[in-house]
Amino acid sequence: MAQAVGQILDFYFDFYTTEYGRRCSAVHDPIAAALCAEGITADVAPCVPVTVDDTQGPGRGQLICDLRGQRTGWHDIDGAHVRVVLHTASDVAQHLVDVITA
């Protein structure tokens, strides 16, 4: 898993260099991999409706997670089938460093 995480981060760091002016990125793919491999766990992950923006606008390709009605507490929405991880139970950055350097 460490090699996969390293390759993912290397690809994303290169991609975002023009965006941020340095090698950095969000770590959503490595977080997803760590969640799937049971390296970390989600402690806030409601099941909510999700739509892909398929317009020609600036949001094209973005996932839109419908979090309306969640202000008083996170809860699953009846009929929804996508669990959206909003917070993890442990420090993801440290976990990724530990996996990569192990």
PDB file of N, CA and C in Angstrom:
ATOM      1  N   MET A   1       0.822  -1.192   0.000  1.00  0.00           N
ATOM      2  CA  MET A   1       0.000   0.000   0.000  1.00  0.00           C
ATOM      3  C   MET A   1       0.870   1.261   0.000  1.00  0.00           C
ATOM      4  N   ALA A   2       2.012   1.211   0.649  1.00  0.00           N
ATOM      5  CA  ALA A   2       2.873   2.395   0.719  1.00  0.00           C
ATOM      6  C   ALA A   2       3.295   2.858  -0.669  1.00  0.00           C
ATOM      7  N   GLN A   3       3.641   1.922  -1.563  1.00  0.00           N
ATOM      8  CA  GLN A   3       4.032   2.311  -2.917  1.00  0.00           C
ATOM      9  C   GLN A   3       2.868   2.979  -3.644  1.00  0.00           C
ATOM     10  N   ALA A   4       1.671   2.428  -3.499  1.00  0.00           N
ATOM     11  CA  ALA A   4       0.499   3.006  -4.159  1.00  0.00           C
ATOM     12  C   ALA A   4       0.231   4.419  -3.655  1.00  0.00           C
ATOM     13  N   VAL A   5       0.291   4.606  -2.342  1.00  0.00           N
ATOM     14  CA  VAL A   5       0.069   5.940  -1.771  1.00  0.00           C
ATOM     15  C   VAL A   5       1.134   6.908  -2.274  1.00  0.00           C
ATOM     16  N   GLY A   6       2.387   6.471  -2.299  1.00  0.00           N
ATOM     17  CA  GLY A   6       3.470   7.316  -2.791  1.00  0.00           C
ATOM     18  C   GLY A   6       3.267   7.708  -4.245  1.00  0.00           C
ATOM     19  N   GLN A   7       2.845   6.759  -5.086  1.00  0.00           N
ATOM     20  CA  GLN A   7       2.603   7.056  -6.500  1.00  0.00           C
ATOM     21  C   GLN A   7       1.420   8.008  -6.667  1.00  0.00           C
ATOM     22  N   ILE A   8       0.375   7.802  -5.894  1.00  0.00           N
ATOM     23  CA  ILE A   8      -0.782   8.696  -5.949  1.00  0.00           C
ATOM     24  C   ILE A   8      -0.357  10.109  -5.581  1.00  0.00           C
ATOM     25  N   LEU A   9       0.359  10.250  -4.467  1.00  0.00           N
ATOM     26  CA  LEU A   9       0.781  11.581  -4.023  1.00  0.00           C
ATOM     27  C   LEU A   9       1.724  12.232  -5.026  1.00  0.00           C
ATOM     28  N   ASP A  10       2.642  11.478  -5.595  1.00  0.00           N
ATOM     29  CA  ASP A  10       3.571  12.038  -6.566  1.00  0.00           C
ATOM     30  C   ASP A  10       2.815  12.583  -7.772  1.00  0.00           C
ATOM     31  N   PHE A  11       1.855  11.823  -8.270  1.00  0.00           N
ATOM     32  CA  PHE A  11       1.032  12.264  -9.403  1.00  0.00           C
ATOM     33  C   PHE A  11       0.271  13.539  -9.051  1.00  0.00           C
ATOM     34  N   TYR A  12      -0.382  13.549  -7.877  1.00  0.00           N
ATOM     35  CA  TYR A  12      -1.161  14.721  -7.490  1.00  0.00           C
ATOM     36  C   TYR A  12      -0.281  15.936  -7.217  1.00  0.00           C
ATOM     37  N   PHE A  13       0.867  15.739  -6.597  1.00  0.00           N
ATOM     38  CA  PHE A  13       1.769  16.861  -6.341  1.00  0.00           C
ATOM     39  C   PHE A  13       2.166  17.524  -7.657  1.00  0.00           C
ATOM     40  N   ASP A  14       2.501  16.717  -8.666  1.00  0.00           N
ATOM     41  CA  ASP A  14       2.861  17.273  -9.972  1.00  0.00           C
ATOM     42  C   ASP A  14       1.677  18.004 -10.590  1.00  0.00           C
ATOM     43  N   PHE A  15       0.501  17.409 -10.522  1.00  0.00           N
ATOM     44  CA  PHE A  15      -0.690  18.007 -11.122  1.00  0.00           C
ATOM     45  C   PHE A  15      -0.998  19.375 -10.524  1.00  0.00           C
ATOM     46  N   TYR A  16      -0.919  19.493  -9.195  1.00  0.00           N
ATOM     47  CA  TYR A  16      -1.305  20.732  -8.524  1.00  0.00           C
ATOM     48  C   TYR A  16      -0.203  21.789  -8.465  1.00  0.00           C
ATOM     49  N   THR A  17       0.995  21.490  -8.955  1.00  0.00           N
ATOM     50  CA  THR A  17       2.081  22.464  -8.921  1.00  0.00           C
ATOM     51  C   THR A  17       1.696  23.742  -9.653  1.00  0.00           C
ATOM     52  N   THR A  18       1.080  23.621 -10.824  1.00  0.00           N
ATOM     53  CA  THR A  18       0.683  24.826 -11.557  1.00  0.00           C
ATOM     54  C   THR A  18      -0.454  25.561 -10.852  1.00  0.00           C
ATOM     55  N   GLU A  19      -1.278  24.834 -10.128  1.00  0.00           N
ATOM     56  CA  GLU A  19      -2.415  25.444  -9.418  1.00  0.00           C
ATOM     57  C   GLU A  19      -1.956  26.215  -8.176  1.00  0.00           C
ATOM     58  N   TYR A  20      -1.071  25.593  -7.377  1.00  0.00           N
ATOM     59  CA  TYR A  20      -0.660  26.168  -6.097  1.00  0.00           C
ATOM     60  C   TYR A  20       0.745  26.755  -6.088  1.00  0.00           C
ATOM     61  N   GLY A  21       1.514  26.527  -7.156  1.00  0.00           N
ATOM     62  CA  GLY A  21       2.863  27.056  -7.218  1.00  0.00           C
ATOM     63  C   GLY A  21       3.882  26.245  -6.440  1.00  0.00           C
ATOM     64  N   ARG A  22       3.488  25.110  -5.953  1.00  0.00           N
ATOM     65  CA  ARG A  22       4.394  24.200  -5.239  1.00  0.00           C
ATOM     66  C   ARG A  22       3.797  22.807  -5.262  1.00  0.00           C
ATOM     67  N   ARG A  23       4.609  21.810  -4.903  1.00  0.00           N
ATOM     68  CA  ARG A  23       4.130  20.425  -4.889  1.00  0.00           C
ATOM     69  C   ARG A  23       3.313  20.174  -3.623  1.00  0.00           C
ATOM     70  N   CYS A  24       2.009  20.153  -3.789  1.00  0.00           N
ATOM     71  CA  CYS A  24       1.105  19.844  -2.683  1.00  0.00           C
ATOM     72  C   CYS A  24      -0.239  19.437  -3.284  1.00  0.00           C
ATOM     73  N   SER A  25      -1.114  18.896  -2.490  1.00  0.00           N
ATOM     74  CA  SER A  25      -2.442  18.542  -2.991  1.00  0.00           C
ATOM     75  C   SER A  25      -3.336  18.124  -1.840  1.00  0.00           C
ATOM     76  N   ALA A  26      -4.618  18.057  -2.160  1.00  0.00           N
ATOM     77  CA  ALA A  26      -5.560  17.403  -1.254  1.00  0.00           C
ATOM     78  C   ALA A  26      -5.235  15.911  -1.282  1.00  0.00           C
ATOM     79  N   VAL A  27      -5.570  15.213  -0.254  1.00  0.00           N
ATOM     80  CA  VAL A  27      -5.215  13.787  -0.198  1.00  0.00           C
ATOM     81  C   VAL A  27      -6.464  12.898  -0.177  1.00  0.00           C
ATOM     82  N   HIS A  28      -7.467  13.267  -0.974  1.00  0.00           N
ATOM     83  CA  HIS A  28      -8.695  12.490  -0.966  1.00  0.00           C
ATOM     84  C   HIS A  28      -8.501  11.057  -1.472  1.00  0.00           C
ATOM     85  N   ASP A  29      -7.701  10.828  -2.504  1.00  0.00           N
ATOM     86  CA  ASP A  29      -7.497   9.465  -2.986  1.00  0.00           C
ATOM     87  C   ASP A  29      -6.730   8.603  -1.979  1.00  0.00           C
ATOM     88  N   PRO A  30      -5.616   9.092  -1.408  1.00  0.00           N
ATOM     89  CA  PRO A  30      -4.954   8.281  -0.377  1.00  0.00           C
ATOM     90  C   PRO A  30      -5.842   8.039   0.846  1.00  0.00           C
ATOM     91  N   ILE A  31      -6.663   9.009   1.201  1.00  0.00           N
ATOM     92  CA  ILE A  31      -7.583   8.809   2.325  1.00  0.00           C
ATOM     93  C   ILE A  31      -8.577   7.704   1.986  1.00  0.00           C
ATOM     94  N   ALA A  32      -9.109   7.741   0.767  1.00  0.00           N
ATOM     95  CA  ALA A  32     -10.046   6.691   0.341  1.00  0.00           C
ATOM     96  C   ALA A  32      -9.370   5.326   0.374  1.00  0.00           C
ATOM     97  N   ALA A  33      -8.123   5.251  -0.096  1.00  0.00           N
ATOM     98  CA  ALA A  33      -7.396   3.978  -0.078  1.00  0.00           C
ATOM     99  C   ALA A  33      -7.182   3.503   1.354  1.00  0.00           C
ATOM    100  N   ALA A  34      -6.812   4.413   2.255  1.00  0.00           N
ATOM    101  CA  ALA A  34      -6.599   4.041   3.657  1.00  0.00           C
ATOM    102  C   ALA A  34      -7.901   3.570   4.301  1.00  0.00           C
ATOM    103  N   LEU A  35      -9.007   4.206   3.969  1.00  0.00           N
ATOM    104  CA  LEU A  35     -10.300   3.774   4.493  1.00  0.00           C
ATOM    105  C   LEU A  35     -10.651   2.372   3.988  1.00  0.00           C
ATOM    106  N   CYS A  36     -10.414   2.134   2.699  1.00  0.00           N
ATOM    107  CA  CYS A  36     -10.715   0.819   2.122  1.00  0.00           C
ATOM    108  C   CYS A  36      -9.824  -0.271   2.704  1.00  0.00           C
ATOM    109  N   ALA A  37      -8.580   0.068   2.986  1.00  0.00           N
ATOM    110  CA  ALA A  37      -7.629  -0.906   3.528  1.00  0.00           C
ATOM    111  C   ALA A  37      -7.738  -1.019   5.041  1.00  0.00           C
ATOM    112  N   GLU A  38      -8.690  -0.318   5.615  1.00  0.00           N
ATOM    113  CA  GLU A  38      -8.935  -0.321   7.055  1.00  0.00           C
ATOM    114  C   GLU A  38      -7.749   0.210   7.852  1.00  0.00           C
ATOM    115  N   GLY A  39      -7.014   1.160   7.258  1.00  0.00           N
ATOM    116  CA  GLY A  39      -5.918   1.787   7.973  1.00  0.00           C
ATOM    117  C   GLY A  39      -6.399   2.893   8.885  1.00  0.00           C
ATOM    118  N   ILE A  40      -7.497   3.524   8.504  1.00  0.00           N
ATOM    119  CA  ILE A  40      -8.132   4.552   9.316  1.00  0.00           C
ATOM    120  C   ILE A  40      -9.634   4.312   9.275  1.00  0.00           C
ATOM    121  N   THR A  41     -10.348   4.951  10.174  1.00  0.00           N
ATOM    122  CA  THR A  41     -11.802   4.808  10.193  1.00  0.00           C
ATOM    123  C   THR A  41     -12.450   6.188  10.172  1.00  0.00           C
ATOM    124  N   ALA A  42     -13.649   6.220   9.619  1.00  0.00           N
ATOM    125  CA  ALA A  42     -14.424   7.456   9.574  1.00  0.00           C
ATOM    126  C   ALA A  42     -15.270   7.547  10.829  1.00  0.00           C
ATOM    127  N   ASP A  43     -15.309   8.737  11.436  1.00  0.00           N
ATOM    128  CA  ASP A  43     -16.209   8.903  12.571  1.00  0.00           C
ATOM    129  C   ASP A  43     -17.386   9.813  12.246  1.00  0.00           C
ATOM    130  N   VAL A  44     -17.336  10.513  11.110  1.00  0.00           N
ATOM    131  CA  VAL A  44     -18.488  11.254  10.597  1.00  0.00           C
ATOM    132  C   VAL A  44     -18.597  10.913   9.112  1.00  0.00           C
ATOM    133  N   ALA A  45     -19.620  10.148   8.746  1.00  0.00           N
ATOM    134  CA  ALA A  45     -19.778   9.714   7.354  1.00  0.00           C
ATOM    135  C   ALA A  45     -21.249   9.431   7.056  1.00  0.00           C
ATOM    136  N   PRO A  46     -22.044  10.489   6.928  1.00  0.00           N
ATOM    137  CA  PRO A  46     -23.459  10.266   6.632  1.00  0.00           C
ATOM    138  C   PRO A  46     -23.670   9.745   5.210  1.00  0.00           C
ATOM    139  N   CYS A  47     -24.716   8.981   5.030  1.00  0.00           N
ATOM    140  CA  CYS A  47     -25.120   8.494   3.716  1.00  0.00           C
ATOM    141  C   CYS A  47     -26.093   9.527   3.151  1.00  0.00           C
ATOM    142  N   VAL A  48     -25.689  10.184   2.056  1.00  0.00           N
ATOM    143  CA  VAL A  48     -26.449  11.312   1.514  1.00  0.00           C
ATOM    144  C   VAL A  48     -26.577  11.183  -0.008  1.00  0.00           C
ATOM    145  N   PRO A  49     -27.550  11.901  -0.593  1.00  0.00           N
ATOM    146  CA  PRO A  49     -27.645  11.921  -2.059  1.00  0.00           C
ATOM    147  C   PRO A  49     -26.434  12.636  -2.663  1.00  0.00           C
ATOM    148  N   VAL A  50     -25.905  12.077  -3.746  1.00  0.00           N
ATOM    149  CA  VAL A  50     -24.760  12.661  -4.430  1.00  0.00           C
ATOM    150  C   VAL A  50     -25.070  12.722  -5.926  1.00  0.00           C
ATOM    151  N   THR A  51     -24.723  13.849  -6.532  1.00  0.00           N
ATOM    152  CA  THR A  51     -24.923  14.069  -7.958  1.00  0.00           C
ATOM    153  C   THR A  51     -23.601  14.513  -8.566  1.00  0.00           C
ATOM    154  N   VAL A  52     -23.362  14.137  -9.813  1.00  0.00           N
ATOM    155  CA  VAL A  52     -22.195  14.623 -10.544  1.00  0.00           C
ATOM    156  C   VAL A  52     -22.639  15.792 -11.410  1.00  0.00           C
ATOM    157  N   ASP A  53     -21.912  16.914 -11.326  1.00  0.00           N
ATOM    158  CA  ASP A  53     -22.206  18.071 -12.164  1.00  0.00           C
ATOM    159  C   ASP A  53     -21.771  17.744 -13.592  1.00  0.00           C
ATOM    160  N   ASP A  54     -22.755  17.549 -14.477  1.00  0.00           N
ATOM    161  CA  ASP A  54     -22.434  17.225 -15.862  1.00  0.00           C
ATOM    162  C   ASP A  54     -22.744  18.388 -16.809  1.00  0.00           C
ATOM    163  N   THR A  55     -22.805  19.597 -16.240  1.00  0.00           N
ATOM    164  CA  THR A  55     -23.015  20.782 -17.064  1.00  0.00           C
ATOM    165  C   THR A  55     -21.713  21.174 -17.755  1.00  0.00           C
ATOM    166  N   GLN A  56     -21.761  22.210 -18.544  1.00  0.00           N
ATOM    167  CA  GLN A  56     -20.558  22.736 -19.195  1.00  0.00           C
ATOM    168  C   GLN A  56     -19.917  23.838 -18.365  1.00  0.00           C
ATOM    169  N   GLY A  57     -20.419  24.083 -17.152  1.00  0.00           N
ATOM    170  CA  GLY A  57     -19.928  25.161 -16.311  1.00  0.00           C
ATOM    171  C   GLY A  57     -18.635  24.841 -15.591  1.00  0.00           C
ATOM    172  N   PRO A  58     -18.194  25.749 -14.723  1.00  0.00           N
ATOM    173  CA  PRO A  58     -16.907  25.589 -14.035  1.00  0.00           C
ATOM    174  C   PRO A  58     -16.904  24.446 -13.018  1.00  0.00           C
ATOM    175  N   GLY A  59     -18.059  23.970 -12.622  1.00  0.00           N
ATOM    176  CA  GLY A  59     -18.115  22.862 -11.670  1.00  0.00           C
ATOM    177  C   GLY A  59     -18.176  21.500 -12.323  1.00  0.00           C
ATOM    178  N   ARG A  60     -18.036  21.441 -13.651  1.00  0.00           N
ATOM    179  CA  ARG A  60     -18.154  20.179 -14.386  1.00  0.00           C
ATOM    180  C   ARG A  60     -17.266  19.091 -13.778  1.00  0.00           C
ATOM    181  N   GLY A  61     -17.872  17.953 -13.516  1.00  0.00           N
ATOM    182  CA  GLY A  61     -17.144  16.814 -12.964  1.00  0.00           C
ATOM    183  C   GLY A  61     -17.137  16.766 -11.448  1.00  0.00           C
ATOM    184  N   GLN A  62     -17.555  17.823 -10.799  1.00  0.00           N
ATOM    185  CA  GLN A  62     -17.551  17.842  -9.338  1.00  0.00           C
ATOM    186  C   GLN A  62     -18.703  16.998  -8.789  1.00  0.00           C
ATOM    187  N   LEU A  63     -18.451  16.407  -7.642  1.00  0.00           N
ATOM    188  CA  LEU A  63     -19.514  15.710  -6.923  1.00  0.00           C
ATOM    189  C   LEU A  63     -20.226  16.714  -6.035  1.00  0.00           C
ATOM    190  N   ILE A  64     -21.538  16.670  -6.060  1.00  0.00           N
ATOM    191  CA  ILE A  64     -22.329  17.554  -5.214  1.00  0.00           C
ATOM    192  C   ILE A  64     -23.024  16.678  -4.185  1.00  0.00           C
ATOM    193  N   CYS A  65     -22.603  16.810  -2.941  1.00  0.00           N
ATOM    194  CA  CYS A  65     -23.168  16.028  -1.840  1.00  0.00           C
ATOM    195  C   CYS A  65     -24.243  16.875  -1.175  1.00  0.00           C
ATOM    196  N   ASP A  66     -25.449  16.362  -1.156  1.00  0.00           N
ATOM    197  CA  ASP A  66     -26.570  17.114  -0.597  1.00  0.00           C
ATOM    198  C   ASP A  66     -26.565  16.972   0.925  1.00  0.00           C
ATOM    199  N   LEU A  67     -26.021  17.974   1.583  1.00  0.00           N
ATOM    200  CA  LEU A  67     -25.926  17.965   3.044  1.00  0.00           C
ATOM    201  C   LEU A  67     -26.993  18.835   3.698  1.00  0.00           C
ATOM    202  N   ARG A  68     -28.010  19.210   2.909  1.00  0.00           N
ATOM    203  CA  ARG A  68     -29.095  20.003   3.497  1.00  0.00           C
ATOM    204  C   ARG A  68     -29.758  19.197   4.617  1.00  0.00           C
ATOM    205  N   GLY A  69     -30.141  19.902   5.659  1.00  0.00           N
ATOM    206  CA  GLY A  69     -30.790  19.249   6.800  1.00  0.00           C
ATOM    207  C   GLY A  69     -29.832  18.588   7.772  1.00  0.00           C
ATOM    208  N   GLN A  70     -28.546  18.818   7.608  1.00  0.00           N
ATOM    209  CA  GLN A  70     -27.540  18.176   8.461  1.00  0.00           C
ATOM    210  C   GLN A  70     -27.014  19.116   9.552  1.00  0.00           C
ATOM    211  N   ARG A  71     -27.540  20.319   9.643  1.00  0.00           N
ATOM    212  CA  ARG A  71     -26.998  21.318  10.580  1.00  0.00           C
ATOM    213  C   ARG A  71     -27.202  20.954  12.053  1.00  0.00           C
ATOM    214  N   THR A  72     -28.206  20.189  12.349  1.00  0.00           N
ATOM    215  CA  THR A  72     -28.458  19.833  13.753  1.00  0.00           C
ATOM    216  C   THR A  72     -27.822  18.508  14.139  1.00  0.00           C
ATOM    217  N   GLY A  73     -27.118  17.895  13.215  1.00  0.00           N
ATOM    218  CA  GLY A  73     -26.443  16.630  13.497  1.00  0.00           C
ATOM    219  C   GLY A  73     -26.392  15.775  12.245  1.00  0.00           C
ATOM    220  N   TRP A  74     -25.284  15.068  12.081  1.00  0.00           N
ATOM    221  CA  TRP A  74     -25.106  14.228  10.905  1.00  0.00           C
ATOM    222  C   TRP A  74     -26.004  13.014  10.983  1.00  0.00           C
ATOM    223  N   HIS A  75     -26.693  12.703   9.887  1.00  0.00           N
ATOM    224  CA  HIS A  75     -27.562  11.531   9.843  1.00  0.00           C
ATOM    225  C   HIS A  75     -27.694  11.049   8.403  1.00  0.00           C
ATOM    226  N   ASP A  76     -27.996   9.760   8.261  1.00  0.00           N
ATOM    227  CA  ASP A  76     -28.215   9.180   6.944  1.00  0.00           C
ATOM    228  C   ASP A  76     -29.551   9.667   6.388  1.00  0.00           C
ATOM    229  N   ILE A  77     -29.605   9.815   5.076  1.00  0.00           N
ATOM    230  CA  ILE A  77     -30.825  10.213   4.383  1.00  0.00           C
ATOM    231  C   ILE A  77     -31.454   8.954   3.777  1.00  0.00           C
ATOM    232  N   ASP A  78     -32.729   8.742   4.038  1.00  0.00           N
ATOM    233  CA  ASP A  78     -33.429   7.587   3.478  1.00  0.00           C
ATOM    234  C   ASP A  78     -33.301   7.561   1.960  1.00  0.00           C
ATOM    235  N   GLY A  79     -32.962   6.406   1.426  1.00  0.00           N
ATOM    236  CA  GLY A  79     -32.845   6.236  -0.012  1.00  0.00           C
ATOM    237  C   GLY A  79     -31.482   6.598  -0.583  1.00  0.00           C
ATOM    238  N   ALA A  80     -30.653   7.276   0.190  1.00  0.00           N
ATOM    239  CA  ALA A  80     -29.307   7.635  -0.293  1.00  0.00           C
ATOM    240  C   ALA A  80     -28.428   6.389  -0.258  1.00  0.00           C
ATOM    241  N   HIS A  81     -27.442   6.349  -1.141  1.00  0.00           N
ATOM    242  CA  HIS A  81     -26.569   5.171  -1.188  1.00  0.00           C
ATOM    243  C   HIS A  81     -25.076   5.517  -1.251  1.00  0.00           C
ATOM    244  N   VAL A  82     -24.735   6.780  -0.965  1.00  0.00           N
ATOM    245  CA  VAL A  82     -23.324   7.181  -0.970  1.00  0.00           C
ATOM    246  C   VAL A  82     -22.954   7.709   0.415  1.00  0.00           C
ATOM    247  N   ARG A  83     -21.954   7.086   1.019  1.00  0.00           N
ATOM    248  CA  ARG A  83     -21.467   7.527   2.318  1.00  0.00           C
ATOM    249  C   ARG A  83     -20.334   8.524   2.083  1.00  0.00           C
ATOM    250  N   VAL A  84     -20.463   9.726   2.630  1.00  0.00           N
ATOM    251  CA  VAL A  84     -19.493  10.795   2.431  1.00  0.00           C
ATOM    252  C   VAL A  84     -18.704  10.978   3.729  1.00  0.00           C
ATOM    253  N   VAL A  85     -17.405  10.720   3.654  1.00  0.00           N
ATOM    254  CA  VAL A  85     -16.547  10.834   4.834  1.00  0.00           C
ATOM    255  C   VAL A  85     -16.201  12.306   5.042  1.00  0.00           C
ATOM    256  N   LEU A  86     -16.615  12.831   6.183  1.00  0.00           N
ATOM    257  CA  LEU A  86     -16.374  14.230   6.515  1.00  0.00           C
ATOM    258  C   LEU A  86     -15.320  14.402   7.600  1.00  0.00           C
ATOM    259  N   HIS A  87     -15.066  13.348   8.347  1.00  0.00           N
ATOM    260  CA  HIS A  87     -14.057  13.420   9.413  1.00  0.00           C
ATOM    261  C   HIS A  87     -13.587  12.008   9.731  1.00  0.00           C
ATOM    262  N   THR A  88     -12.305  11.884  10.014  1.00  0.00           N
ATOM    263  CA  THR A  88     -11.759  10.577  10.386  1.00  0.00           C
ATOM    264  C   THR A  88     -11.443  10.540  11.873  1.00  0.00           C
ATOM    265  N   ALA A  89     -11.372   9.320  12.390  1.00  0.00           N
ATOM    266  CA  ALA A  89     -11.170   9.132  13.819  1.00  0.00           C
ATOM    267  C   ALA A  89      -9.724   9.339  14.244  1.00  0.00           C
ATOM    268  N   SER A  90      -8.807   9.396  13.279  1.00  0.00           N
ATOM    269  CA  SER A  90      -7.397   9.585  13.618  1.00  0.00           C
ATOM    270  C   SER A  90      -6.765  10.571  12.640  1.00  0.00           C
ATOM    271  N   ASP A  91      -5.536  10.931  12.909  1.00  0.00           N
ATOM    272  CA  ASP A  91      -4.796  11.886  12.105  1.00  0.00           C
ATOM    273  C   ASP A  91      -4.357  11.224  10.803  1.00  0.00           C
ATOM    274  N   VAL A  92      -5.029  11.558   9.705  1.00  0.00           N
ATOM    275  CA  VAL A  92      -4.745  10.935   8.415  1.00  0.00           C
ATOM    276  C   VAL A  92      -3.340  11.262   7.933  1.00  0.00           C
ATOM    277  N   ALA A  93      -2.911  12.493   8.084  1.00  0.00           N
ATOM    278  CA  ALA A  93      -1.580  12.886   7.616  1.00  0.00           C
ATOM    279  C   ALA A  93      -0.505  12.031   8.290  1.00  0.00           C
ATOM    280  N   GLN A  94      -0.597  11.863   9.590  1.00  0.00           N
ATOM    281  CA  GLN A  94       0.399  11.055  10.301  1.00  0.00           C
ATOM    282  C   GLN A  94       0.313   9.599   9.871  1.00  0.00           C
ATOM    283  N   HIS A  95      -0.895   9.104   9.676  1.00  0.00           N
ATOM    284  CA  HIS A  95      -1.063   7.721   9.209  1.00  0.00           C
ATOM    285  C   HIS A  95      -0.385   7.534   7.857  1.00  0.00           C
ATOM    286  N   LEU A  96      -0.587   8.470   6.923  1.00  0.00           N
ATOM    287  CA  LEU A  96       0.029   8.359   5.606  1.00  0.00           C
ATOM    288  C   LEU A  96       1.556   8.404   5.705  1.00  0.00           C
ATOM    289  N   VAL A  97       2.088   9.280   6.527  1.00  0.00           N
ATOM    290  CA  VAL A  97       3.535   9.336   6.728  1.00  0.00           C
ATOM    291  C   VAL A  97       4.044   8.015   7.278  1.00  0.00           C
ATOM    292  N   ASP A  98       3.339   7.457   8.258  1.00  0.00           N
ATOM    293  CA  ASP A  98       3.757   6.171   8.849  1.00  0.00           C
ATOM    294  C   ASP A  98       3.746   5.059   7.811  1.00  0.00           C
ATOM    295  N   VAL A  99       2.697   5.024   6.957  1.00  0.00           N
ATOM    296  CA  VAL A  99       2.594   3.969   5.927  1.00  0.00           C
ATOM    297  C   VAL A  99       3.721   4.131   4.908  1.00  0.00           C
ATOM    298  N   ILE A 100       3.951   5.354   4.459  1.00  0.00           N
ATOM    299  CA  ILE A 100       4.954   5.587   3.421  1.00  0.00           C
ATOM    300  C   ILE A 100       6.356   5.306   3.931  1.00  0.00           C
ATOM    301  N   THR A 101       6.634   5.611   5.176  1.00  0.00           N
ATOM    302  CA  THR A 101       7.993   5.423   5.717  1.00  0.00           C
ATOM    303  C   THR A 101       8.207   4.067   6.362  1.00  0.00           C
ATOM    304  N   ALA A 102       7.172   3.241   6.430  1.00  0.00           N
ATOM    305  CA  ALA A 102       7.299   1.928   7.072  1.00  0.00           C
ATOM    306  C   ALA A 102       8.169   0.980   6.249  1.00  0.00           C
TER     307      ALA A 102
END
